[in-house]
Amino acid sequence: MKKVILATFIGLLAACSNEANLYVDSTSEIKVVKVGSELVDCVGVGPMKCLVVDGSLFYDGIQGFSFEEGYEYELEIEKAKLYTEETVPADASLYRYSLLKILTKEKVEH
């Protein structure tokens, strides 16, 4: 009886995990992007500051990248799909972005 209760409890805990919705695509995309020199005001779940990547607001972070204001960057990044359209949480991105290499970092004079 104890084993049945324990197995049920473990099953319930596993069902509550957010990881159950996690979908890691076996393919990822390697991209080269340009990051602007300033963070800009934007609104996601609430007001926040966003990077400007390839001229557009970028609401996600880039794992392993520490932005320093006043510098423009060219980065090699990996874009990996984490969720399907059906399983993505309301406040999450479908993708995870990871820094592979900083190709250039140039000081911008304003």
PDB file of N, CA and C in Angstrom:
ATOM      1  N   MET A   1       0.824  -1.197   0.000  1.00  0.00           N
ATOM      2  CA  MET A   1       0.000   0.000   0.000  1.00  0.00           C
ATOM      3  C   MET A   1       0.867   1.259   0.000  1.00  0.00           C
ATOM      4  N   LYS A   2       1.961   1.213   0.791  1.00  0.00           N
ATOM      5  CA  LYS A   2       2.849   2.381   0.845  1.00  0.00           C
ATOM      6  C   LYS A   2       3.468   2.662  -0.524  1.00  0.00           C
ATOM      7  N   LYS A   3       3.784   1.585  -1.252  1.00  0.00           N
ATOM      8  CA  LYS A   3       4.384   1.757  -2.576  1.00  0.00           C
ATOM      9  C   LYS A   3       3.403   2.411  -3.545  1.00  0.00           C
ATOM     10  N   VAL A   4       2.128   2.065  -3.442  1.00  0.00           N
ATOM     11  CA  VAL A   4       1.113   2.651  -4.315  1.00  0.00           C
ATOM     12  C   VAL A   4       0.959   4.137  -4.020  1.00  0.00           C
ATOM     13  N   ILE A   5       0.923   4.482  -2.737  1.00  0.00           N
ATOM     14  CA  ILE A   5       0.803   5.890  -2.344  1.00  0.00           C
ATOM     15  C   ILE A   5       2.030   6.669  -2.801  1.00  0.00           C
ATOM     16  N   LEU A   6       3.216   6.095  -2.597  1.00  0.00           N
ATOM     17  CA  LEU A   6       4.453   6.755  -3.010  1.00  0.00           C
ATOM     18  C   LEU A   6       4.484   6.953  -4.530  1.00  0.00           C
ATOM     19  N   ALA A   7       4.110   5.930  -5.283  1.00  0.00           N
ATOM     20  CA  ALA A   7       4.108   6.032  -6.742  1.00  0.00           C
ATOM     21  C   ALA A   7       3.109   7.092  -7.211  1.00  0.00           C
ATOM     22  N   THR A   8       1.957   7.152  -6.576  1.00  0.00           N
ATOM     23  CA  THR A   8       0.955   8.163  -6.921  1.00  0.00           C
ATOM     24  C   THR A   8       1.475   9.560  -6.630  1.00  0.00           C
ATOM     25  N   PHE A   9       2.103   9.737  -5.474  1.00  0.00           N
ATOM     26  CA  PHE A   9       2.655  11.032  -5.082  1.00  0.00           C
ATOM     27  C   PHE A   9       3.734  11.483  -6.069  1.00  0.00           C
ATOM     28  N   ILE A  10       4.622  10.587  -6.441  1.00  0.00           N
ATOM     29  CA  ILE A  10       5.690  10.924  -7.394  1.00  0.00           C
ATOM     30  C   ILE A  10       5.090  11.284  -8.755  1.00  0.00           C
ATOM     31  N   GLY A  11       4.075  10.550  -9.175  1.00  0.00           N
ATOM     32  CA  GLY A  11       3.403  10.860 -10.437  1.00  0.00           C
ATOM     33  C   GLY A  11       2.763  12.232 -10.427  1.00  0.00           C
ATOM     34  N   LEU A  12       2.142  12.589  -9.308  1.00  0.00           N
ATOM     35  CA  LEU A  12       1.528  13.915  -9.191  1.00  0.00           C
ATOM     36  C   LEU A  12       2.574  15.018  -9.227  1.00  0.00           C
ATOM     37  N   LEU A  13       3.694  14.807  -8.545  1.00  0.00           N
ATOM     38  CA  LEU A  13       4.767  15.808  -8.577  1.00  0.00           C
ATOM     39  C   LEU A  13       5.304  15.995  -9.991  1.00  0.00           C
ATOM     40  N   ALA A  14       5.509  14.914 -10.695  1.00  0.00           N
ATOM     41  CA  ALA A  14       6.022  15.004 -12.068  1.00  0.00           C
ATOM     42  C   ALA A  14       5.039  15.738 -12.972  1.00  0.00           C
ATOM     43  N   ALA A  15       3.762  15.532 -12.764  1.00  0.00           N
ATOM     44  CA  ALA A  15       2.749  16.195 -13.586  1.00  0.00           C
ATOM     45  C   ALA A  15       2.709  17.690 -13.348  1.00  0.00           C
ATOM     46  N   CYS A  16       3.146  18.147 -12.177  1.00  0.00           N
ATOM     47  CA  CYS A  16       3.124  19.572 -11.846  1.00  0.00           C
ATOM     48  C   CYS A  16       4.330  20.320 -12.393  1.00  0.00           C
ATOM     49  N   SER A  17       5.314  19.625 -12.863  1.00  0.00           N
ATOM     50  CA  SER A  17       6.553  20.242 -13.319  1.00  0.00           C
ATOM     51  C   SER A  17       6.350  21.013 -14.612  1.00  0.00           C
ATOM     52  N   ASN A  18       6.969  22.208 -14.709  1.00  0.00           N
ATOM     53  CA  ASN A  18       6.964  22.974 -15.963  1.00  0.00           C
ATOM     54  C   ASN A  18       7.775  22.267 -17.033  1.00  0.00           C
ATOM     55  N   GLU A  19       8.712  21.436 -16.618  1.00  0.00           N
ATOM     56  CA  GLU A  19       9.561  20.736 -17.571  1.00  0.00           C
ATOM     57  C   GLU A  19       8.743  19.810 -18.467  1.00  0.00           C
ATOM     58  N   ALA A  20       7.556  19.431 -18.018  1.00  0.00           N
ATOM     59  CA  ALA A  20       6.716  18.552 -18.833  1.00  0.00           C
ATOM     60  C   ALA A  20       6.359  19.229 -20.150  1.00  0.00           C
ATOM     61  N   ASN A  21       6.256  20.547 -20.170  1.00  0.00           N
ATOM     62  CA  ASN A  21       5.927  21.287 -21.386  1.00  0.00           C
ATOM     63  C   ASN A  21       7.152  21.606 -22.227  1.00  0.00           C
ATOM     64  N   LEU A  22       8.333  21.392 -21.668  1.00  0.00           N
ATOM     65  CA  LEU A  22       9.561  21.737 -22.368  1.00  0.00           C
ATOM     66  C   LEU A  22       9.756  20.828 -23.574  1.00  0.00           C
ATOM     67  N   TYR A  23      10.060  21.445 -24.686  1.00  0.00           N
ATOM     68  CA  TYR A  23      10.272  20.727 -25.934  1.00  0.00           C
ATOM     69  C   TYR A  23      11.597  21.222 -26.474  1.00  0.00           C
ATOM     70  N   VAL A  24      12.582  20.363 -26.524  1.00  0.00           N
ATOM     71  CA  VAL A  24      13.868  20.785 -27.064  1.00  0.00           C
ATOM     72  C   VAL A  24      14.007  20.172 -28.449  1.00  0.00           C
ATOM     73  N   ASP A  25      13.999  21.033 -29.443  1.00  0.00           N
ATOM     74  CA  ASP A  25      14.132  20.607 -30.831  1.00  0.00           C
ATOM     75  C   ASP A  25      15.556  20.102 -31.037  1.00  0.00           C
ATOM     76  N   SER A  26      15.687  19.017 -31.754  1.00  0.00           N
ATOM     77  CA  SER A  26      17.019  18.468 -31.988  1.00  0.00           C
ATOM     78  C   SER A  26      17.812  19.317 -32.976  1.00  0.00           C
ATOM     79  N   THR A  27      17.148  20.206 -33.683  1.00  0.00           N
ATOM     80  CA  THR A  27      17.852  21.099 -34.591  1.00  0.00           C
ATOM     81  C   THR A  27      17.876  22.499 -33.990  1.00  0.00           C
ATOM     82  N   SER A  28      18.916  23.189 -34.258  1.00  0.00           N
ATOM     83  CA  SER A  28      18.999  24.588 -33.844  1.00  0.00           C
ATOM     84  C   SER A  28      19.569  25.371 -35.016  1.00  0.00           C
ATOM     85  N   GLU A  29      19.438  26.674 -34.912  1.00  0.00           N
ATOM     86  CA  GLU A  29      19.883  27.551 -35.992  1.00  0.00           C
ATOM     87  C   GLU A  29      21.025  28.417 -35.475  1.00  0.00           C
ATOM     88  N   ILE A  30      22.103  28.500 -36.227  1.00  0.00           N
ATOM     89  CA  ILE A  30      23.222  29.378 -35.901  1.00  0.00           C
ATOM     90  C   ILE A  30      23.036  30.652 -36.723  1.00  0.00           C
ATOM     91  N   LYS A  31      23.061  31.804 -36.035  1.00  0.00           N
ATOM     92  CA  LYS A  31      22.825  33.086 -36.693  1.00  0.00           C
ATOM     93  C   LYS A  31      23.919  34.070 -36.313  1.00  0.00           C
ATOM     94  N   VAL A  32      24.181  35.014 -37.200  1.00  0.00           N
ATOM     95  CA  VAL A  32      25.036  36.159 -36.895  1.00  0.00           C
ATOM     96  C   VAL A  32      24.114  37.368 -36.831  1.00  0.00           C
ATOM     97  N   VAL A  33      24.168  38.088 -35.699  1.00  0.00           N
ATOM     98  CA  VAL A  33      23.278  39.234 -35.488  1.00  0.00           C
ATOM     99  C   VAL A  33      24.084  40.451 -35.060  1.00  0.00           C
ATOM    100  N   LYS A  34      23.505  41.631 -35.315  1.00  0.00           N
ATOM    101  CA  LYS A  34      24.096  42.891 -34.859  1.00  0.00           C
ATOM    102  C   LYS A  34      23.264  43.416 -33.706  1.00  0.00           C
ATOM    103  N   VAL A  35      23.933  43.806 -32.626  1.00  0.00           N
ATOM    104  CA  VAL A  35      23.274  44.326 -31.430  1.00  0.00           C
ATOM    105  C   VAL A  35      23.622  45.798 -31.307  1.00  0.00           C
ATOM    106  N   GLY A  36      22.584  46.645 -31.183  1.00  0.00           N
ATOM    107  CA  GLY A  36      22.772  48.085 -31.052  1.00  0.00           C
ATOM    108  C   GLY A  36      23.451  48.464 -29.749  1.00  0.00           C
ATOM    109  N   SER A  37      23.871  49.719 -29.651  1.00  0.00           N
ATOM    110  CA  SER A  37      24.690  50.193 -28.532  1.00  0.00           C
ATOM    111  C   SER A  37      23.895  50.601 -27.299  1.00  0.00           C
ATOM    112  N   GLU A  38      22.563  50.644 -27.396  1.00  0.00           N
ATOM    113  CA  GLU A  38      21.753  51.094 -26.256  1.00  0.00           C
ATOM    114  C   GLU A  38      20.588  50.155 -26.007  1.00  0.00           C
ATOM    115  N   LEU A  39      20.193  50.043 -24.742  1.00  0.00           N
ATOM    116  CA  LEU A  39      18.938  49.392 -24.394  1.00  0.00           C
ATOM    117  C   LEU A  39      17.827  50.408 -24.603  1.00  0.00           C
ATOM    118  N   VAL A  40      16.679  49.967 -25.075  1.00  0.00           N
ATOM    119  CA  VAL A  40      15.561  50.881 -25.321  1.00  0.00           C
ATOM    120  C   VAL A  40      14.340  50.425 -24.530  1.00  0.00           C
ATOM    121  N   ASP A  41      13.471  51.395 -24.232  1.00  0.00           N
ATOM    122  CA  ASP A  41      12.232  51.077 -23.526  1.00  0.00           C
ATOM    123  C   ASP A  41      11.334  50.234 -24.421  1.00  0.00           C
ATOM    124  N   CYS A  42      10.734  49.208 -23.827  1.00  0.00           N
ATOM    125  CA  CYS A  42       9.781  48.362 -24.536  1.00  0.00           C
ATOM    126  C   CYS A  42       8.802  47.796 -23.515  1.00  0.00           C
ATOM    127  N   VAL A  43       7.765  47.174 -24.003  1.00  0.00           N
ATOM    128  CA  VAL A  43       6.760  46.597 -23.108  1.00  0.00           C
ATOM    129  C   VAL A  43       6.553  45.144 -23.491  1.00  0.00           C
ATOM    130  N   GLY A  44       6.843  44.247 -22.542  1.00  0.00           N
ATOM    131  CA  GLY A  44       6.576  42.822 -22.714  1.00  0.00           C
ATOM    132  C   GLY A  44       5.454  42.476 -21.771  1.00  0.00           C
ATOM    133  N   VAL A  45       5.749  41.691 -20.748  1.00  0.00           N
ATOM    134  CA  VAL A  45       4.775  41.416 -19.692  1.00  0.00           C
ATOM    135  C   VAL A  45       4.501  42.709 -18.934  1.00  0.00           C
ATOM    136  N   GLY A  46       5.501  43.572 -18.873  1.00  0.00           N
ATOM    137  CA  GLY A  46       5.408  44.896 -18.273  1.00  0.00           C
ATOM    138  C   GLY A  46       6.477  45.762 -18.907  1.00  0.00           C
ATOM    139  N   PRO A  47       6.630  47.013 -18.448  1.00  0.00           N
ATOM    140  CA  PRO A  47       7.692  47.863 -18.988  1.00  0.00           C
ATOM    141  C   PRO A  47       9.065  47.251 -18.711  1.00  0.00           C
ATOM    142  N   MET A  48       9.940  47.318 -19.689  1.00  0.00           N
ATOM    143  CA  MET A  48      11.279  46.751 -19.544  1.00  0.00           C
ATOM    144  C   MET A  48      12.223  47.428 -20.525  1.00  0.00           C
ATOM    145  N   LYS A  49      13.472  47.036 -20.501  1.00  0.00           N
ATOM    146  CA  LYS A  49      14.480  47.504 -21.449  1.00  0.00           C
ATOM    147  C   LYS A  49      14.819  46.350 -22.382  1.00  0.00           C
ATOM    148  N   CYS A  50      14.917  46.637 -23.665  1.00  0.00           N
ATOM    149  CA  CYS A  50      15.200  45.615 -24.669  1.00  0.00           C
ATOM    150  C   CYS A  50      16.480  45.934 -25.431  1.00  0.00           C
ATOM    151  N   LEU A  51      17.150  44.890 -25.876  1.00  0.00           N
ATOM    152  CA  LEU A  51      18.223  45.040 -26.841  1.00  0.00           C
ATOM    153  C   LEU A  51      17.604  45.381 -28.190  1.00  0.00           C
ATOM    154  N   VAL A  52      18.393  45.997 -29.054  1.00  0.00           N
ATOM    155  CA  VAL A  52      17.994  46.186 -30.445  1.00  0.00           C
ATOM    156  C   VAL A  52      18.885  45.251 -31.262  1.00  0.00           C
ATOM    157  N   VAL A  53      18.265  44.234 -31.845  1.00  0.00           N
ATOM    158  CA  VAL A  53      18.994  43.211 -32.598  1.00  0.00           C
ATOM    159  C   VAL A  53      18.549  43.279 -34.054  1.00  0.00           C
ATOM    160  N   ASP A  54      19.509  43.493 -34.925  1.00  0.00           N
ATOM    161  CA  ASP A  54      19.231  43.641 -36.360  1.00  0.00           C
ATOM    162  C   ASP A  54      18.141  44.679 -36.613  1.00  0.00           C
ATOM    163  N   GLY A  55      18.167  45.767 -35.837  1.00  0.00           N
ATOM    164  CA  GLY A  55      17.253  46.881 -36.033  1.00  0.00           C
ATOM    165  C   GLY A  55      15.871  46.715 -35.426  1.00  0.00           C
ATOM    166  N   SER A  56      15.606  45.594 -34.754  1.00  0.00           N
ATOM    167  CA  SER A  56      14.292  45.344 -34.149  1.00  0.00           C
ATOM    168  C   SER A  56      14.425  45.107 -32.651  1.00  0.00           C
ATOM    169  N   LEU A  57      13.344  45.398 -31.920  1.00  0.00           N
ATOM    170  CA  LEU A  57      13.343  45.130 -30.484  1.00  0.00           C
ATOM    171  C   LEU A  57      13.504  43.636 -30.238  1.00  0.00           C
ATOM    172  N   PHE A  58      14.320  43.300 -29.248  1.00  0.00           N
ATOM    173  CA  PHE A  58      14.596  41.899 -28.903  1.00  0.00           C
ATOM    174  C   PHE A  58      14.227  41.716 -27.445  1.00  0.00           C
ATOM    175  N   TYR A  59      13.139  41.018 -27.200  1.00  0.00           N
ATOM    176  CA  TYR A  59      12.572  40.897 -25.861  1.00  0.00           C
ATOM    177  C   TYR A  59      13.229  39.803 -25.025  1.00  0.00           C
ATOM    178  N   ASP A  60      13.945  38.886 -25.650  1.00  0.00           N
ATOM    179  CA  ASP A  60      14.569  37.772 -24.948  1.00  0.00           C
ATOM    180  C   ASP A  60      15.999  38.109 -24.567  1.00  0.00           C
ATOM    181  N   GLY A  61      16.544  37.357 -23.647  1.00  0.00           N
ATOM    182  CA  GLY A  61      17.954  37.484 -23.325  1.00  0.00           C
ATOM    183  C   GLY A  61      18.772  36.552 -24.210  1.00  0.00           C
ATOM    184  N   ILE A  62      20.075  36.733 -24.165  1.00  0.00           N
ATOM    185  CA  ILE A  62      20.994  35.837 -24.861  1.00  0.00           C
ATOM    186  C   ILE A  62      21.886  35.233 -23.788  1.00  0.00           C
ATOM    187  N   GLN A  63      21.725  33.936 -23.547  1.00  0.00           N
ATOM    188  CA  GLN A  63      22.498  33.277 -22.501  1.00  0.00           C
ATOM    189  C   GLN A  63      23.990  33.415 -22.777  1.00  0.00           C
ATOM    190  N   GLY A  64      24.728  33.809 -21.746  1.00  0.00           N
ATOM    191  CA  GLY A  64      26.172  33.943 -21.865  1.00  0.00           C
ATOM    192  C   GLY A  64      26.640  35.294 -22.376  1.00  0.00           C
ATOM    193  N   PHE A  65      25.720  36.199 -22.698  1.00  0.00           N
ATOM    194  CA  PHE A  65      26.078  37.514 -23.229  1.00  0.00           C
ATOM    195  C   PHE A  65      25.808  38.586 -22.186  1.00  0.00           C
ATOM    196  N   SER A  66      26.841  39.370 -21.889  1.00  0.00           N
ATOM    197  CA  SER A  66      26.708  40.506 -20.968  1.00  0.00           C
ATOM    198  C   SER A  66      26.812  41.787 -21.783  1.00  0.00           C
ATOM    199  N   PHE A  67      25.686  42.454 -21.960  1.00  0.00           N
ATOM    200  CA  PHE A  67      25.624  43.676 -22.749  1.00  0.00           C
ATOM    201  C   PHE A  67      26.298  44.813 -22.004  1.00  0.00           C
ATOM    202  N   GLU A  68      27.110  45.585 -22.715  1.00  0.00           N
ATOM    203  CA  GLU A  68      27.736  46.783 -22.167  1.00  0.00           C
ATOM    204  C   GLU A  68      27.292  47.965 -23.029  1.00  0.00           C
ATOM    205  N   GLU A  69      26.553  48.883 -22.412  1.00  0.00           N
ATOM    206  CA  GLU A  69      26.023  50.031 -23.145  1.00  0.00           C
ATOM    207  C   GLU A  69      27.169  50.852 -23.739  1.00  0.00           C
ATOM    208  N   GLY A  70      26.930  51.381 -24.950  1.00  0.00           N
ATOM    209  CA  GLY A  70      27.934  52.190 -25.631  1.00  0.00           C
ATOM    210  C   GLY A  70      28.757  51.405 -26.638  1.00  0.00           C
ATOM    211  N   TYR A  71      28.481  50.123 -26.768  1.00  0.00           N
ATOM    212  CA  TYR A  71      29.191  49.271 -27.724  1.00  0.00           C
ATOM    213  C   TYR A  71      28.195  48.589 -28.652  1.00  0.00           C
ATOM    214  N   GLU A  72      28.552  48.523 -29.923  1.00  0.00           N
ATOM    215  CA  GLU A  72      27.795  47.718 -30.879  1.00  0.00           C
ATOM    216  C   GLU A  72      28.505  46.383 -31.012  1.00  0.00           C
ATOM    217  N   TYR A  73      27.716  45.351 -31.146  1.00  0.00           N
ATOM    218  CA  TYR A  73      28.264  44.002 -31.208  1.00  0.00           C
ATOM    219  C   TYR A  73      27.811  43.295 -32.472  1.00  0.00           C
ATOM    220  N   GLU A  74      28.645  42.407 -32.935  1.00  0.00           N
ATOM    221  CA  GLU A  74      28.238  41.402 -33.900  1.00  0.00           C
ATOM    222  C   GLU A  74      28.467  40.066 -33.199  1.00  0.00           C
ATOM    223  N   LEU A  75      27.395  39.281 -33.076  1.00  0.00           N
ATOM    224  CA  LEU A  75      27.439  38.044 -32.303  1.00  0.00           C
ATOM    225  C   LEU A  75      27.081  36.845 -33.166  1.00  0.00           C
ATOM    226  N   GLU A  76      27.691  35.742 -32.852  1.00  0.00           N
ATOM    227  CA  GLU A  76      27.249  34.462 -33.395  1.00  0.00           C
ATOM    228  C   GLU A  76      26.455  33.795 -32.280  1.00  0.00           C
ATOM    229  N   ILE A  77      25.183  33.497 -32.552  1.00  0.00           N
ATOM    230  CA  ILE A  77      24.312  32.930 -31.528  1.00  0.00           C
ATOM    231  C   ILE A  77      23.645  31.655 -32.040  1.00  0.00           C
ATOM    232  N   GLU A  78      23.184  30.867 -31.090  1.00  0.00           N
ATOM    233  CA  GLU A  78      22.393  29.683 -31.410  1.00  0.00           C
ATOM    234  C   GLU A  78      20.952  29.944 -30.995  1.00  0.00           C
ATOM    235  N   LYS A  79      20.027  29.637 -31.880  1.00  0.00           N
ATOM    236  CA  LYS A  79      18.594  29.773 -31.613  1.00  0.00           C
ATOM    237  C   LYS A  79      18.009  28.361 -31.565  1.00  0.00           C
ATOM    238  N   ALA A  80      17.551  27.950 -30.371  1.00  0.00           N
ATOM    239  CA  ALA A  80      17.003  26.603 -30.195  1.00  0.00           C
ATOM    240  C   ALA A  80      15.545  26.698 -29.760  1.00  0.00           C
ATOM    241  N   LYS A  81      14.705  25.891 -30.355  1.00  0.00           N
ATOM    242  CA  LYS A  81      13.272  25.895 -30.017  1.00  0.00           C
ATOM    243  C   LYS A  81      13.059  25.100 -28.726  1.00  0.00           C
ATOM    244  N   LEU A  82      12.394  25.734 -27.747  1.00  0.00           N
ATOM    245  CA  LEU A  82      12.158  25.102 -26.450  1.00  0.00           C
ATOM    246  C   LEU A  82      10.767  24.521 -26.299  1.00  0.00           C
ATOM    247  N   TYR A  83       9.791  25.098 -26.976  1.00  0.00           N
ATOM    248  CA  TYR A  83       8.395  24.700 -26.818  1.00  0.00           C
ATOM    249  C   TYR A  83       7.741  24.581 -28.183  1.00  0.00           C
ATOM    250  N   THR A  84       6.603  23.941 -28.220  1.00  0.00           N
ATOM    251  CA  THR A  84       5.754  24.002 -29.407  1.00  0.00           C
ATOM    252  C   THR A  84       4.778  25.149 -29.191  1.00  0.00           C
ATOM    253  N   GLU A  85       4.082  25.532 -30.225  1.00  0.00           N
ATOM    254  CA  GLU A  85       3.103  26.614 -30.097  1.00  0.00           C
ATOM    255  C   GLU A  85       2.005  26.250 -29.096  1.00  0.00           C
ATOM    256  N   GLU A  86       1.735  24.965 -28.935  1.00  0.00           N
ATOM    257  CA  GLU A  86       0.684  24.514 -28.022  1.00  0.00           C
ATOM    258  C   GLU A  86       1.146  24.485 -26.567  1.00  0.00           C
ATOM    259  N   THR A  87       2.441  24.300 -26.326  1.00  0.00           N
ATOM    260  CA  THR A  87       2.914  24.118 -24.949  1.00  0.00           C
ATOM    261  C   THR A  87       3.634  25.323 -24.367  1.00  0.00           C
ATOM    262  N   VAL A  88       3.867  26.360 -25.158  1.00  0.00           N
ATOM    263  CA  VAL A  88       4.614  27.519 -24.659  1.00  0.00           C
ATOM    264  C   VAL A  88       3.804  28.238 -23.575  1.00  0.00           C
ATOM    265  N   PRO A  89       4.421  28.516 -22.412  1.00  0.00           N
ATOM    266  CA  PRO A  89       3.728  29.304 -21.387  1.00  0.00           C
ATOM    267  C   PRO A  89       3.432  30.712 -21.905  1.00  0.00           C
ATOM    268  N   ALA A  90       2.409  31.334 -21.353  1.00  0.00           N
ATOM    269  CA  ALA A  90       1.947  32.640 -21.837  1.00  0.00           C
ATOM    270  C   ALA A  90       3.029  33.709 -21.797  1.00  0.00           C
ATOM    271  N   ASP A  91       3.927  33.662 -20.825  1.00  0.00           N
ATOM    272  CA  ASP A  91       4.935  34.713 -20.673  1.00  0.00           C
ATOM    273  C   ASP A  91       6.329  34.253 -21.088  1.00  0.00           C
ATOM    274  N   ALA A  92       6.415  33.223 -21.908  1.00  0.00           N
ATOM    275  CA  ALA A  92       7.718  32.677 -22.293  1.00  0.00           C
ATOM    276  C   ALA A  92       7.924  32.788 -23.799  1.00  0.00           C
ATOM    277  N   SER A  93       9.168  32.619 -24.195  1.00  0.00           N
ATOM    278  CA  SER A  93       9.526  32.612 -25.605  1.00  0.00           C
ATOM    279  C   SER A  93       9.546  31.173 -26.113  1.00  0.00           C
ATOM    280  N   LEU A  94       9.267  30.997 -27.381  1.00  0.00           N
ATOM    281  CA  LEU A  94       9.400  29.676 -27.997  1.00  0.00           C
ATOM    282  C   LEU A  94      10.860  29.239 -28.062  1.00  0.00           C
ATOM    283  N   TYR A  95      11.774  30.214 -28.020  1.00  0.00           N
ATOM    284  CA  TYR A  95      13.177  29.942 -28.299  1.00  0.00           C
ATOM    285  C   TYR A  95      14.095  30.315 -27.139  1.00  0.00           C
ATOM    286  N   ARG A  96      15.260  29.678 -27.125  1.00  0.00           N
ATOM    287  CA  ARG A  96      16.354  30.055 -26.228  1.00  0.00           C
ATOM    288  C   ARG A  96      17.497  30.503 -27.142  1.00  0.00           C
ATOM    289  N   TYR A  97      18.090  31.629 -26.797  1.00  0.00           N
ATOM    290  CA  TYR A  97      19.216  32.163 -27.558  1.00  0.00           C
ATOM    291  C   TYR A  97      20.470  32.055 -26.699  1.00  0.00           C
ATOM    292  N   SER A  98      21.542  31.515 -27.278  1.00  0.00           N
ATOM    293  CA  SER A  98      22.795  31.331 -26.546  1.00  0.00           C
ATOM    294  C   SER A  98      23.945  31.927 -27.344  1.00  0.00           C
ATOM    295  N   LEU A  99      24.826  32.624 -26.644  1.00  0.00           N
ATOM    296  CA  LEU A  99      26.009  33.204 -27.281  1.00  0.00           C
ATOM    297  C   LEU A  99      27.004  32.105 -27.617  1.00  0.00           C
ATOM    298  N   LEU A 100      27.453  32.096 -28.849  1.00  0.00           N
ATOM    299  CA  LEU A 100      28.525  31.195 -29.252  1.00  0.00           C
ATOM    300  C   LEU A 100      29.853  31.939 -29.309  1.00  0.00           C
ATOM    301  N   LYS A 101      29.802  33.183 -29.862  1.00  0.00           N
ATOM    302  CA  LYS A 101      31.045  33.940 -30.037  1.00  0.00           C
ATOM    303  C   LYS A 101      30.730  35.414 -30.245  1.00  0.00           C
ATOM    304  N   ILE A 102      31.536  36.287 -29.633  1.00  0.00           N
ATOM    305  CA  ILE A 102      31.479  37.722 -29.937  1.00  0.00           C
ATOM    306  C   ILE A 102      32.427  37.942 -31.109  1.00  0.00           C
ATOM    307  N   LEU A 103      31.862  38.298 -32.253  1.00  0.00           N
ATOM    308  CA  LEU A 103      32.674  38.495 -33.456  1.00  0.00           C
ATOM    309  C   LEU A 103      33.324  39.867 -33.460  1.00  0.00           C
ATOM    310  N   THR A 104      32.553  40.914 -33.091  1.00  0.00           N
ATOM    311  CA  THR A 104      33.106  42.263 -32.975  1.00  0.00           C
ATOM    312  C   THR A 104      32.445  42.978 -31.809  1.00  0.00           C
ATOM    313  N   LYS A 105      33.187  43.915 -31.232  1.00  0.00           N
ATOM    314  CA  LYS A 105      32.677  44.805 -30.183  1.00  0.00           C
ATOM    315  C   LYS A 105      33.322  46.154 -30.443  1.00  0.00           C
ATOM    316  N   GLU A 106      32.506  47.131 -30.862  1.00  0.00           N
ATOM    317  CA  GLU A 106      33.037  48.440 -31.237  1.00  0.00           C
ATOM    318  C   GLU A 106      32.405  49.542 -30.406  1.00  0.00           C
ATOM    319  N   LYS A 107      33.243  50.433 -29.885  1.00  0.00           N
ATOM    320  CA  LYS A 107      32.784  51.586 -29.103  1.00  0.00           C
ATOM    321  C   LYS A 107      32.063  52.556 -30.030  1.00  0.00           C
ATOM    322  N   VAL A 108      30.901  53.050 -29.585  1.00  0.00           N
ATOM    323  CA  VAL A 108      30.117  54.012 -30.363  1.00  0.00           C
ATOM    324  C   VAL A 108      30.177  55.346 -29.647  1.00  0.00           C
ATOM    325  N   GLU A 109      30.581  56.384 -30.368  1.00  0.00           N
ATOM    326  CA  GLU A 109      30.633  57.735 -29.805  1.00  0.00           C
ATOM    327  C   GLU A 109      29.330  58.445 -30.127  1.00  0.00           C
ATOM    328  N   HIS A 110      28.686  58.993 -29.112  1.00  0.00           N
ATOM    329  CA  HIS A 110      27.413  59.713 -29.333  1.00  0.00           C
ATOM    330  C   HIS A 110      27.630  61.187 -29.274  1.00  0.00           C
TER     331      HIS A 110
END
